[in-house]
Amino acid sequence: MTSNKTKIANPAAVYDDPQQIVDDVNLSTEEKLKALDSMEYDCNQLLVAADERLHGGEQPLKISDIHLARETLSGVKASLDSANNSKTSV
């Protein structure tokens, strides 16, 4: 089993697309956001390498897919925060 630390630091080794990060029940929302940040950084590095003709044939993910996954999580996090705030404000 892959550790959460590895999933966050090197998501491309574990996940094929950003939605798999969102769907991973073993990661907290914060961990998922960090993994998406790592995935986006790696994707940008591959795009830079491709521009410089230094690529090894890797297919970078679409940045828009990563952003969509992050928006999904942010909406979930906002909903959870709102629910937690309504429970504590009595």
N, C-alpha and C. Protein backbone atom coordinates (compact mmCIF):
# COMPACT_ATOMS: atom_id res chain seq x y z
N MET A 1 0.85 -1.18 0.00
CA MET A 1 0.00 0.00 0.00
C MET A 1 0.89 1.25 0.00
N THR A 2 0.52 2.22 -0.77
CA THR A 2 1.29 3.45 -0.90
C THR A 2 0.96 4.39 0.25
N SER A 3 1.99 4.99 0.82
CA SER A 3 1.77 5.90 1.93
C SER A 3 1.18 7.22 1.44
N ASN A 4 0.48 7.91 2.33
CA ASN A 4 -0.08 9.21 1.99
C ASN A 4 1.01 10.20 1.62
N LYS A 5 2.15 10.09 2.29
CA LYS A 5 3.27 10.99 2.01
C LYS A 5 3.73 10.84 0.55
N THR A 6 3.81 9.60 0.08
CA THR A 6 4.19 9.34 -1.31
C THR A 6 3.13 9.84 -2.27
N LYS A 7 1.86 9.63 -1.91
CA LYS A 7 0.76 10.08 -2.77
C LYS A 7 0.80 11.59 -2.96
N ILE A 8 1.20 12.30 -1.92
CA ILE A 8 1.26 13.77 -1.99
C ILE A 8 2.49 14.23 -2.75
N ALA A 9 3.64 13.63 -2.46
CA ALA A 9 4.90 14.06 -3.05
C ALA A 9 5.04 13.66 -4.52
N ASN A 10 4.48 12.51 -4.88
CA ASN A 10 4.63 12.00 -6.25
C ASN A 10 3.31 11.39 -6.73
N PRO A 11 2.29 12.22 -6.91
CA PRO A 11 0.98 11.68 -7.28
C PRO A 11 0.97 10.96 -8.62
N ALA A 12 1.83 11.34 -9.54
CA ALA A 12 1.84 10.69 -10.86
C ALA A 12 2.24 9.21 -10.76
N ALA A 13 2.93 8.84 -9.69
CA ALA A 13 3.32 7.45 -9.51
C ALA A 13 2.14 6.59 -9.03
N VAL A 14 1.10 7.25 -8.54
CA VAL A 14 -0.03 6.54 -7.95
C VAL A 14 -1.32 6.73 -8.76
N TYR A 15 -1.52 7.92 -9.27
CA TYR A 15 -2.78 8.28 -9.92
C TYR A 15 -2.59 8.55 -11.41
N ASP A 16 -3.57 8.17 -12.22
CA ASP A 16 -3.54 8.44 -13.65
C ASP A 16 -4.18 9.78 -13.99
N ASP A 17 -5.10 10.23 -13.15
CA ASP A 17 -5.74 11.51 -13.40
C ASP A 17 -6.14 12.16 -12.07
N PRO A 18 -6.38 13.47 -12.09
CA PRO A 18 -6.68 14.21 -10.86
C PRO A 18 -7.93 13.73 -10.13
N GLN A 19 -8.91 13.24 -10.85
CA GLN A 19 -10.15 12.78 -10.21
C GLN A 19 -9.88 11.62 -9.26
N GLN A 20 -8.88 10.82 -9.55
CA GLN A 20 -8.53 9.71 -8.66
C GLN A 20 -8.05 10.23 -7.30
N ILE A 21 -7.41 11.38 -7.30
CA ILE A 21 -7.00 12.00 -6.04
C ILE A 21 -8.24 12.40 -5.26
N VAL A 22 -9.16 13.06 -5.93
CA VAL A 22 -10.41 13.50 -5.29
C VAL A 22 -11.15 12.31 -4.69
N ASP A 23 -11.13 11.18 -5.39
CA ASP A 23 -11.87 10.00 -4.97
C ASP A 23 -11.16 9.16 -3.91
N ASP A 24 -9.90 9.46 -3.61
CA ASP A 24 -9.13 8.66 -2.65
C ASP A 24 -9.63 8.91 -1.23
N VAL A 25 -10.26 7.91 -0.64
CA VAL A 25 -10.85 8.05 0.69
C VAL A 25 -9.79 8.03 1.81
N ASN A 26 -8.56 7.68 1.47
CA ASN A 26 -7.50 7.62 2.48
C ASN A 26 -6.78 8.94 2.68
N LEU A 27 -7.09 9.95 1.87
CA LEU A 27 -6.47 11.26 1.99
C LEU A 27 -7.48 12.27 2.54
N SER A 28 -7.01 13.16 3.40
CA SER A 28 -7.86 14.25 3.86
C SER A 28 -7.99 15.28 2.74
N THR A 29 -8.90 16.21 2.88
CA THR A 29 -9.06 17.25 1.87
C THR A 29 -7.78 18.05 1.70
N GLU A 30 -7.12 18.39 2.82
CA GLU A 30 -5.85 19.12 2.74
C GLU A 30 -4.79 18.32 2.00
N GLU A 31 -4.71 17.03 2.26
CA GLU A 31 -3.74 16.17 1.58
C GLU A 31 -4.05 16.09 0.09
N LYS A 32 -5.32 16.01 -0.24
CA LYS A 32 -5.72 15.97 -1.65
C LYS A 32 -5.31 17.25 -2.37
N LEU A 33 -5.52 18.38 -1.71
CA LEU A 33 -5.13 19.66 -2.32
C LEU A 33 -3.62 19.73 -2.52
N LYS A 34 -2.86 19.23 -1.56
CA LYS A 34 -1.40 19.21 -1.70
C LYS A 34 -0.97 18.29 -2.84
N ALA A 35 -1.63 17.14 -2.96
CA ALA A 35 -1.32 16.21 -4.05
C ALA A 35 -1.64 16.84 -5.41
N LEU A 36 -2.75 17.57 -5.49
CA LEU A 36 -3.10 18.26 -6.73
C LEU A 36 -2.08 19.35 -7.04
N ASP A 37 -1.59 20.04 -6.01
CA ASP A 37 -0.53 21.04 -6.22
C ASP A 37 0.71 20.38 -6.81
N SER A 38 1.09 19.24 -6.26
CA SER A 38 2.26 18.51 -6.77
C SER A 38 2.04 18.07 -8.20
N MET A 39 0.84 17.58 -8.48
CA MET A 39 0.52 17.13 -9.83
C MET A 39 0.58 18.29 -10.82
N GLU A 40 0.08 19.45 -10.41
CA GLU A 40 0.10 20.62 -11.29
C GLU A 40 1.53 21.07 -11.53
N TYR A 41 2.36 21.06 -10.50
CA TYR A 41 3.76 21.44 -10.65
C TYR A 41 4.45 20.51 -11.66
N ASP A 42 4.24 19.20 -11.49
CA ASP A 42 4.85 18.23 -12.40
C ASP A 42 4.36 18.44 -13.83
N CYS A 43 3.09 18.72 -13.98
CA CYS A 43 2.51 18.95 -15.29
C CYS A 43 3.15 20.17 -15.95
N ASN A 44 3.32 21.23 -15.18
CA ASN A 44 3.96 22.45 -15.70
C ASN A 44 5.41 22.18 -16.09
N GLN A 45 6.10 21.37 -15.31
CA GLN A 45 7.50 21.03 -15.62
C GLN A 45 7.57 20.25 -16.94
N LEU A 46 6.64 19.34 -17.17
CA LEU A 46 6.61 18.60 -18.42
C LEU A 46 6.33 19.51 -19.61
N LEU A 47 5.46 20.49 -19.40
CA LEU A 47 5.17 21.44 -20.48
C LEU A 47 6.39 22.29 -20.82
N VAL A 48 7.12 22.72 -19.80
CA VAL A 48 8.35 23.49 -20.03
C VAL A 48 9.37 22.64 -20.76
N ALA A 49 9.54 21.41 -20.33
CA ALA A 49 10.49 20.50 -20.99
C ALA A 49 10.10 20.27 -22.45
N ALA A 50 8.81 20.13 -22.71
CA ALA A 50 8.35 19.92 -24.08
C ALA A 50 8.64 21.15 -24.94
N ASP A 51 8.46 22.34 -24.35
CA ASP A 51 8.77 23.58 -25.07
C ASP A 51 10.25 23.65 -25.42
N GLU A 52 11.07 23.10 -24.56
CA GLU A 52 12.52 23.13 -24.77
C GLU A 52 13.00 21.87 -25.49
N ARG A 53 12.05 21.07 -25.96
CA ARG A 53 12.34 19.82 -26.68
C ARG A 53 13.17 18.85 -25.82
N LEU A 54 12.86 18.83 -24.53
CA LEU A 54 13.57 17.95 -23.60
C LEU A 54 12.66 16.85 -23.06
N HIS A 55 11.55 16.62 -23.72
CA HIS A 55 10.60 15.65 -23.20
C HIS A 55 10.97 14.23 -23.60
N GLY A 56 10.49 13.30 -22.82
CA GLY A 56 10.75 11.90 -23.10
C GLY A 56 9.50 11.17 -23.56
N GLY A 57 8.55 11.89 -24.11
CA GLY A 57 7.34 11.28 -24.62
C GLY A 57 6.20 11.20 -23.62
N GLU A 58 6.40 11.75 -22.41
CA GLU A 58 5.33 11.73 -21.42
C GLU A 58 4.17 12.59 -21.90
N GLN A 59 2.98 12.15 -21.59
CA GLN A 59 1.79 12.92 -21.90
C GLN A 59 1.38 13.69 -20.66
N PRO A 60 1.56 15.01 -20.67
CA PRO A 60 1.15 15.77 -19.49
C PRO A 60 -0.37 15.79 -19.36
N LEU A 61 -0.80 15.84 -18.13
CA LEU A 61 -2.24 15.98 -17.87
C LEU A 61 -2.67 17.36 -18.29
N LYS A 62 -3.95 17.52 -18.47
CA LYS A 62 -4.47 18.85 -18.77
C LYS A 62 -4.56 19.63 -17.46
N ILE A 63 -4.02 20.83 -17.48
CA ILE A 63 -4.08 21.70 -16.30
C ILE A 63 -5.54 21.93 -15.92
N SER A 64 -6.41 22.02 -16.91
CA SER A 64 -7.83 22.27 -16.62
C SER A 64 -8.44 21.13 -15.81
N ASP A 65 -7.99 19.88 -16.04
CA ASP A 65 -8.49 18.76 -15.24
C ASP A 65 -8.06 18.88 -13.78
N ILE A 66 -6.84 19.35 -13.57
CA ILE A 66 -6.34 19.55 -12.21
C ILE A 66 -7.12 20.66 -11.53
N HIS A 67 -7.36 21.75 -12.26
CA HIS A 67 -8.12 22.86 -11.69
C HIS A 67 -9.55 22.44 -11.35
N LEU A 68 -10.16 21.64 -12.21
CA LEU A 68 -11.51 21.16 -11.96
C LEU A 68 -11.55 20.30 -10.69
N ALA A 69 -10.56 19.43 -10.53
CA ALA A 69 -10.50 18.60 -9.33
C ALA A 69 -10.32 19.46 -8.09
N ARG A 70 -9.47 20.49 -8.18
CA ARG A 70 -9.26 21.40 -7.04
C ARG A 70 -10.55 22.15 -6.70
N GLU A 71 -11.28 22.59 -7.73
CA GLU A 71 -12.55 23.28 -7.49
C GLU A 71 -13.56 22.36 -6.82
N THR A 72 -13.58 21.11 -7.23
CA THR A 72 -14.46 20.12 -6.61
C THR A 72 -14.15 20.01 -5.13
N LEU A 73 -12.86 19.89 -4.81
CA LEU A 73 -12.45 19.77 -3.41
C LEU A 73 -12.72 21.05 -2.64
N SER A 74 -12.47 22.18 -3.24
CA SER A 74 -12.71 23.46 -2.56
C SER A 74 -14.18 23.63 -2.22
N GLY A 75 -15.05 23.19 -3.13
CA GLY A 75 -16.49 23.24 -2.85
C GLY A 75 -16.86 22.32 -1.71
N VAL A 76 -16.27 21.14 -1.68
CA VAL A 76 -16.51 20.19 -0.60
C VAL A 76 -16.00 20.76 0.71
N LYS A 77 -14.80 21.33 0.68
CA LYS A 77 -14.21 21.90 1.89
C LYS A 77 -15.06 23.07 2.40
N ALA A 78 -15.52 23.92 1.47
CA ALA A 78 -16.36 25.05 1.88
C ALA A 78 -17.65 24.56 2.51
N SER A 79 -18.24 23.51 1.95
CA SER A 79 -19.46 22.94 2.51
C SER A 79 -19.22 22.36 3.90
N LEU A 80 -18.10 21.66 4.06
CA LEU A 80 -17.76 21.09 5.37
C LEU A 80 -17.51 22.19 6.39
N ASP A 81 -16.76 23.21 5.98
CA ASP A 81 -16.49 24.33 6.89
C ASP A 81 -17.78 25.01 7.32
N SER A 82 -18.69 25.19 6.37
CA SER A 82 -19.97 25.82 6.67
C SER A 82 -20.77 24.97 7.63
N ALA A 83 -20.78 23.67 7.41
CA ALA A 83 -21.52 22.75 8.29
C ALA A 83 -20.91 22.75 9.68
N ASN A 84 -19.60 22.76 9.77
CA ASN A 84 -18.93 22.76 11.08
C ASN A 84 -19.19 24.07 11.81
N ASN A 85 -19.19 25.19 11.09
CA ASN A 85 -19.45 26.47 11.71
C ASN A 85 -20.89 26.56 12.23
N SER A 86 -21.83 25.99 11.50
CA SER A 86 -23.22 26.06 11.95
C SER A 86 -23.46 25.17 13.16
N LYS A 87 -22.66 24.11 13.32
CA LYS A 87 -22.79 23.24 14.47
C LYS A 87 -22.24 23.90 15.74
N THR A 88 -21.17 24.70 15.56
CA THR A 88 -20.51 25.28 16.74
C THR A 88 -21.09 26.63 17.14
N SER A 89 -21.86 27.25 16.28
CA SER A 89 -22.42 28.58 16.62
C SER A 89 -23.83 28.42 17.17
N VAL A 90 -23.90 28.13 18.45
CA VAL A 90 -25.22 27.96 19.08
C VAL A 90 -25.42 29.01 20.13
